[in-house]
Amino acid sequence: MFISTAFAQTAPAAADASATSSLMSMLPLVLMFVVLYFIMIRPQMKKQKEHRAMIDALAKGDEVMTAGGLMGRVTQLAEGHLTLEVARGVEVQMQRSAVVQVLPKGTLK
């Protein structure tokens, strides 16, 4: 009878210890997610936002470079695509998302 009373008195302390240990085992996982967010996810979201703003700001006459390496002047704009003049009399139609960089005016001769 004496032994069962002793176990009964220490039972709540053991339950608190197991809750604390399970919380401590979750801490590295949460910490890794926070680090991953600030190192990878947040900068990627920022880069996507800047690219979207650049694509939305395209105007007729802008000189651009595409993901395929084509450089040309924008001659026509539509909602999802644009027409790019790559040489005198040569026009190529492509998606707006293919534009990766807007070049300074006068880059193309």
C-alpha atoms as a PDB file:
ATOM      1  CA  MET A   1       0.000   0.000   0.000  1.00  0.00           C
ATOM      2  CA  PHE A   2       2.891   2.362   0.686  1.00  0.00           C
ATOM      3  CA  ILE A   3       4.386   1.847  -2.787  1.00  0.00           C
ATOM      4  CA  SER A   4       1.201   2.610  -4.703  1.00  0.00           C
ATOM      5  CA  THR A   5       0.868   5.915  -2.817  1.00  0.00           C
ATOM      6  CA  ALA A   6       4.405   6.889  -3.813  1.00  0.00           C
ATOM      7  CA  PHE A   7       3.726   6.201  -7.504  1.00  0.00           C
ATOM      8  CA  ALA A   8       0.494   8.146  -7.343  1.00  0.00           C
ATOM      9  CA  GLN A   9       2.305  11.199  -6.005  1.00  0.00           C
ATOM     10  CA  THR A  10       4.924  11.239  -8.811  1.00  0.00           C
ATOM     11  CA  ALA A  11       2.525  10.536 -11.694  1.00  0.00           C
ATOM     12  CA  PRO A  12       1.633  14.197 -12.477  1.00  0.00           C
ATOM     13  CA  ALA A  13       5.315  15.164 -12.522  1.00  0.00           C
ATOM     14  CA  ALA A  14       6.028  12.411 -15.062  1.00  0.00           C
ATOM     15  CA  ALA A  15       3.170  13.644 -17.277  1.00  0.00           C
ATOM     16  CA  ASP A  16       4.576  17.199 -17.219  1.00  0.00           C
ATOM     17  CA  ALA A  17       8.019  15.888 -18.160  1.00  0.00           C
ATOM     18  CA  SER A  18       6.671  13.962 -21.162  1.00  0.00           C
ATOM     19  CA  ALA A  19       4.755  17.039 -22.402  1.00  0.00           C
ATOM     20  CA  THR A  20       7.897  19.152 -22.090  1.00  0.00           C
ATOM     21  CA  SER A  21      10.031  16.566 -23.883  1.00  0.00           C
ATOM     22  CA  SER A  22       7.549  16.279 -26.771  1.00  0.00           C
ATOM     23  CA  LEU A  23       7.521  20.072 -27.102  1.00  0.00           C
ATOM     24  CA  MET A  24      11.322  20.140 -27.120  1.00  0.00           C
ATOM     25  CA  SER A  25      11.408  17.450 -29.815  1.00  0.00           C
ATOM     26  CA  MET A  26       9.163  19.634 -32.031  1.00  0.00           C
ATOM     27  CA  LEU A  27      11.351  22.712 -31.563  1.00  0.00           C
ATOM     28  CA  PRO A  28      14.055  21.773 -34.140  1.00  0.00           C
ATOM     29  CA  LEU A  29      11.386  21.104 -36.781  1.00  0.00           C
ATOM     30  CA  VAL A  30       9.725  24.463 -36.186  1.00  0.00           C
ATOM     31  CA  LEU A  31      13.102  26.193 -36.146  1.00  0.00           C
ATOM     32  CA  MET A  32      14.077  24.577 -39.463  1.00  0.00           C
ATOM     33  CA  PHE A  33      10.826  25.743 -41.066  1.00  0.00           C
ATOM     34  CA  VAL A  34      11.389  29.325 -39.881  1.00  0.00           C
ATOM     35  CA  VAL A  35      14.928  29.347 -41.265  1.00  0.00           C
ATOM     36  CA  LEU A  36      13.765  27.807 -44.553  1.00  0.00           C
ATOM     37  CA  TYR A  37      11.066  30.461 -44.865  1.00  0.00           C
ATOM     38  CA  PHE A  38      13.473  33.373 -44.440  1.00  0.00           C
ATOM     39  CA  ILE A  39      16.253  31.891 -46.582  1.00  0.00           C
ATOM     40  CA  MET A  40      14.306  30.374 -49.483  1.00  0.00           C
ATOM     41  CA  ILE A  41      10.574  31.030 -49.594  1.00  0.00           C
ATOM     42  CA  ARG A  42      10.445  34.749 -48.813  1.00  0.00           C
ATOM     43  CA  PRO A  43      13.151  35.820 -51.319  1.00  0.00           C
ATOM     44  CA  GLN A  44      11.520  33.699 -54.037  1.00  0.00           C
ATOM     45  CA  MET A  45       8.143  35.346 -53.401  1.00  0.00           C
ATOM     46  CA  LYS A  46       9.804  38.765 -53.585  1.00  0.00           C
ATOM     47  CA  LYS A  47      11.482  37.871 -56.881  1.00  0.00           C
ATOM     48  CA  GLN A  48       8.173  36.655 -58.356  1.00  0.00           C
ATOM     49  CA  LYS A  49       6.463  39.864 -57.280  1.00  0.00           C
ATOM     50  CA  GLU A  50       9.162  41.996 -58.960  1.00  0.00           C
ATOM     51  CA  HIS A  51       8.928  39.918 -62.170  1.00  0.00           C
ATOM     52  CA  ARG A  52       5.139  40.280 -62.245  1.00  0.00           C
ATOM     53  CA  ALA A  53       5.468  44.072 -61.802  1.00  0.00           C
ATOM     54  CA  MET A  54       8.020  44.243 -64.636  1.00  0.00           C
ATOM     55  CA  ILE A  55       5.784  42.252 -66.984  1.00  0.00           C
ATOM     56  CA  ASP A  56       2.750  44.374 -66.122  1.00  0.00           C
ATOM     57  CA  ALA A  57       4.743  47.564 -66.801  1.00  0.00           C
ATOM     58  CA  LEU A  58       5.845  46.534 -70.310  1.00  0.00           C
ATOM     59  CA  ALA A  59       4.996  49.117 -72.943  1.00  0.00           C
ATOM     60  CA  LYS A  60       5.219  49.384 -76.695  1.00  0.00           C
ATOM     61  CA  GLY A  61       8.772  50.337 -77.712  1.00  0.00           C
ATOM     62  CA  ASP A  62      10.515  48.749 -74.708  1.00  0.00           C
ATOM     63  CA  GLU A  63      13.682  46.825 -75.476  1.00  0.00           C
ATOM     64  CA  VAL A  64      13.660  43.445 -73.746  1.00  0.00           C
ATOM     65  CA  MET A  65      15.550  40.175 -73.376  1.00  0.00           C
ATOM     66  CA  THR A  66      13.700  36.854 -73.263  1.00  0.00           C
ATOM     67  CA  ALA A  67      14.434  33.638 -71.413  1.00  0.00           C
ATOM     68  CA  GLY A  68      15.608  32.122 -74.712  1.00  0.00           C
ATOM     69  CA  GLY A  69      18.167  34.884 -75.213  1.00  0.00           C
ATOM     70  CA  LEU A  70      16.289  36.851 -77.890  1.00  0.00           C
ATOM     71  CA  MET A  71      16.650  40.592 -77.680  1.00  0.00           C
ATOM     72  CA  GLY A  72      14.177  42.853 -79.382  1.00  0.00           C
ATOM     73  CA  ARG A  73      11.741  45.734 -79.248  1.00  0.00           C
ATOM     74  CA  VAL A  74       8.104  45.276 -78.192  1.00  0.00           C
ATOM     75  CA  THR A  75       5.794  46.223 -81.065  1.00  0.00           C
ATOM     76  CA  GLN A  76       2.412  44.936 -79.875  1.00  0.00           C
ATOM     77  CA  LEU A  77       1.011  43.962 -76.483  1.00  0.00           C
ATOM     78  CA  ALA A  78      -1.903  41.703 -75.647  1.00  0.00           C
ATOM     79  CA  GLU A  79      -3.065  40.275 -72.352  1.00  0.00           C
ATOM     80  CA  GLY A  80      -1.003  37.077 -72.333  1.00  0.00           C
ATOM     81  CA  HIS A  81       1.457  37.604 -75.160  1.00  0.00           C
ATOM     82  CA  LEU A  82       3.460  40.228 -77.006  1.00  0.00           C
ATOM     83  CA  THR A  83       5.045  40.723 -80.401  1.00  0.00           C
ATOM     84  CA  LEU A  84       8.776  41.297 -80.425  1.00  0.00           C
ATOM     85  CA  GLU A  85      10.709  42.759 -83.352  1.00  0.00           C
ATOM     86  CA  VAL A  86      14.070  40.957 -83.328  1.00  0.00           C
ATOM     87  CA  ALA A  87      15.328  42.385 -86.630  1.00  0.00           C
ATOM     88  CA  ARG A  88      14.005  44.844 -89.203  1.00  0.00           C
ATOM     89  CA  GLY A  89      10.861  43.197 -90.586  1.00  0.00           C
ATOM     90  CA  VAL A  90      11.157  40.074 -88.384  1.00  0.00           C
ATOM     91  CA  GLU A  91       8.563  39.812 -85.629  1.00  0.00           C
ATOM     92  CA  VAL A  92       8.111  36.994 -83.147  1.00  0.00           C
ATOM     93  CA  GLN A  93       5.061  36.425 -80.995  1.00  0.00           C
ATOM     94  CA  MET A  94       5.676  35.049 -77.489  1.00  0.00           C
ATOM     95  CA  GLN A  95       4.251  34.880 -73.988  1.00  0.00           C
ATOM     96  CA  ARG A  96       4.783  37.859 -71.702  1.00  0.00           C
ATOM     97  CA  SER A  97       6.257  35.616 -69.008  1.00  0.00           C
ATOM     98  CA  ALA A  98       9.210  34.807 -71.329  1.00  0.00           C
ATOM     99  CA  VAL A  99      10.568  38.332 -70.801  1.00  0.00           C
ATOM    100  CA  VAL A 100      13.277  38.257 -68.146  1.00  0.00           C
ATOM    101  CA  GLN A 101      14.776  41.729 -68.425  1.00  0.00           C
ATOM    102  CA  VAL A 102      13.914  45.169 -69.730  1.00  0.00           C
ATOM    103  CA  LEU A 103      16.998  46.661 -71.360  1.00  0.00           C
ATOM    104  CA  PRO A 104      17.960  50.344 -71.210  1.00  0.00           C
ATOM    105  CA  LYS A 105      16.755  52.424 -74.162  1.00  0.00           C
ATOM    106  CA  GLY A 106      19.219  52.470 -77.052  1.00  0.00           C
ATOM    107  CA  THR A 107      20.716  49.060 -76.295  1.00  0.00           C
ATOM    108  CA  LEU A 108      19.528  47.677 -79.619  1.00  0.00           C
ATOM    109  CA  LYS A 109      20.695  49.372 -82.789  1.00  0.00           C
END
